[in-house]
C-alpha atoms as a PDB file:
ATOM      1  CA  MET A   1       0.000   0.000   0.000  1.00  0.00           C
ATOM      2  CA  ASN A   2       1.588   3.220  -1.202  1.00  0.00           C
ATOM      3  CA  LEU A   3      -0.064   6.315   0.266  1.00  0.00           C
ATOM      4  CA  LYS A   4       0.705   9.791  -0.955  1.00  0.00           C
ATOM      5  CA  PRO A   5       1.229  12.627   1.551  1.00  0.00           C
ATOM      6  CA  VAL A   6      -1.973  14.297   0.346  1.00  0.00           C
ATOM      7  CA  GLN A   7      -3.957  11.145   1.152  1.00  0.00           C
ATOM      8  CA  ILE A   8      -2.429  10.936   4.624  1.00  0.00           C
ATOM      9  CA  PHE A   9      -3.242  14.606   5.228  1.00  0.00           C
ATOM     10  CA  GLY A  10      -6.841  14.037   4.081  1.00  0.00           C
ATOM     11  CA  PHE A  11      -7.210  11.077   6.422  1.00  0.00           C
ATOM     12  CA  ILE A  12      -5.881  13.062   9.385  1.00  0.00           C
ATOM     13  CA  MET A  13      -8.121  16.021   8.544  1.00  0.00           C
ATOM     14  CA  SER A  14     -11.137  13.699   8.518  1.00  0.00           C
ATOM     15  CA  PHE A  15     -10.535  12.885  12.167  1.00  0.00           C
ATOM     16  CA  VAL A  16      -9.897  16.546  12.933  1.00  0.00           C
ATOM     17  CA  TYR A  17     -13.363  17.355  11.522  1.00  0.00           C
ATOM     18  CA  VAL A  18     -14.934  14.656  13.693  1.00  0.00           C
ATOM     19  CA  PHE A  19     -13.076  15.974  16.760  1.00  0.00           C
ATOM     20  CA  LEU A  20     -14.128  19.582  16.079  1.00  0.00           C
ATOM     21  CA  GLY A  21     -17.734  18.487  15.563  1.00  0.00           C
ATOM     22  CA  MET A  22     -17.745  16.694  18.901  1.00  0.00           C
ATOM     23  CA  LEU A  23     -16.112  19.725  20.505  1.00  0.00           C
ATOM     24  CA  PHE A  24     -18.913  21.973  19.227  1.00  0.00           C
ATOM     25  CA  LEU A  25     -21.598  19.488  20.309  1.00  0.00           C
ATOM     26  CA  MET A  26     -20.392  18.712  23.824  1.00  0.00           C
ATOM     27  CA  THR A  27     -18.670  21.857  25.088  1.00  0.00           C
ATOM     28  CA  PRO A  28     -19.242  25.624  24.973  1.00  0.00           C
ATOM     29  CA  PHE A  29     -16.312  25.864  22.528  1.00  0.00           C
ATOM     30  CA  MET A  30     -16.382  29.056  20.442  1.00  0.00           C
ATOM     31  CA  GLY A  31     -19.255  30.412  22.524  1.00  0.00           C
ATOM     32  CA  ASN A  32     -18.240  33.961  21.630  1.00  0.00           C
ATOM     33  CA  LEU A  33     -18.527  33.321  17.906  1.00  0.00           C
ATOM     34  CA  ILE A  34     -21.727  31.242  17.909  1.00  0.00           C
ATOM     35  CA  GLU A  35     -23.707  32.359  20.950  1.00  0.00           C
ATOM     36  CA  ASP A  36     -26.896  30.365  20.401  1.00  0.00           C
ATOM     37  CA  PRO A  37     -26.380  26.767  21.609  1.00  0.00           C
ATOM     38  CA  GLY A  38     -28.827  25.470  19.004  1.00  0.00           C
ATOM     39  CA  TYR A  39     -26.793  26.863  16.133  1.00  0.00           C
ATOM     40  CA  ARG A  40     -23.570  25.634  17.721  1.00  0.00           C
ATOM     41  CA  LYS A  41     -25.001  22.095  17.912  1.00  0.00           C
ATOM     42  CA  LEU A  42     -26.249  22.310  14.337  1.00  0.00           C
ATOM     43  CA  PHE A  43     -22.839  23.456  13.118  1.00  0.00           C
ATOM     44  CA  GLY A  44     -21.080  20.788  15.198  1.00  0.00           C
ATOM     45  CA  GLY A  45     -23.333  18.085  13.799  1.00  0.00           C
ATOM     46  CA  ALA A  46     -22.686  19.214  10.243  1.00  0.00           C
ATOM     47  CA  VAL A  47     -18.920  19.287  10.758  1.00  0.00           C
ATOM     48  CA  MET A  48     -18.962  15.871  12.410  1.00  0.00           C
ATOM     49  CA  ALA A  49     -21.128  14.400   9.627  1.00  0.00           C
ATOM     50  CA  TYR A  50     -18.716  15.780   7.033  1.00  0.00           C
ATOM     51  CA  GLY A  51     -15.779  14.240   8.899  1.00  0.00           C
ATOM     52  CA  LEU A  52     -17.507  10.847   9.057  1.00  0.00           C
ATOM     53  CA  PHE A  53     -18.278  11.094   5.345  1.00  0.00           C
ATOM     54  CA  ARG A  54     -14.597  11.767   4.637  1.00  0.00           C
ATOM     55  CA  VAL A  55     -13.497   8.801   6.758  1.00  0.00           C
ATOM     56  CA  THR A  56     -15.873   6.432   4.950  1.00  0.00           C
ATOM     57  CA  TYR A  57     -14.752   7.810   1.581  1.00  0.00           C
ATOM     58  CA  PHE A  58     -11.108   7.220   2.470  1.00  0.00           C
ATOM     59  CA  VAL A  59     -11.788   3.665   3.671  1.00  0.00           C
ATOM     60  CA  ARG A  60     -13.710   2.883   0.465  1.00  0.00           C
ATOM     61  CA  GLN A  61     -10.795   4.194  -1.602  1.00  0.00           C
ATOM     62  CA  LEU A  62      -8.393   1.938   0.318  1.00  0.00           C
ATOM     63  CA  ARG A  63     -10.614  -1.120  -0.184  1.00  0.00           C
ATOM     64  CA  LYS A  64     -10.943  -0.378  -3.897  1.00  0.00           C
ATOM     65  CA  LYS A  65      -7.157  -0.560  -4.402  1.00  0.00           C
END
């Protein structure tokens, strides 16, 4: 298995998105920027869903090879 640096960076960023999404969902992180907790949870859920999508995309690409 020969991974390019861009693929490794994309895989790491996928987990960063999941981590940031969980941070927005479970803590008052960035409370100054997004004051309404409902919007913060919505944004956190969207970021986490995008991160999970990226992880599944990367795993499918690895299985395809």
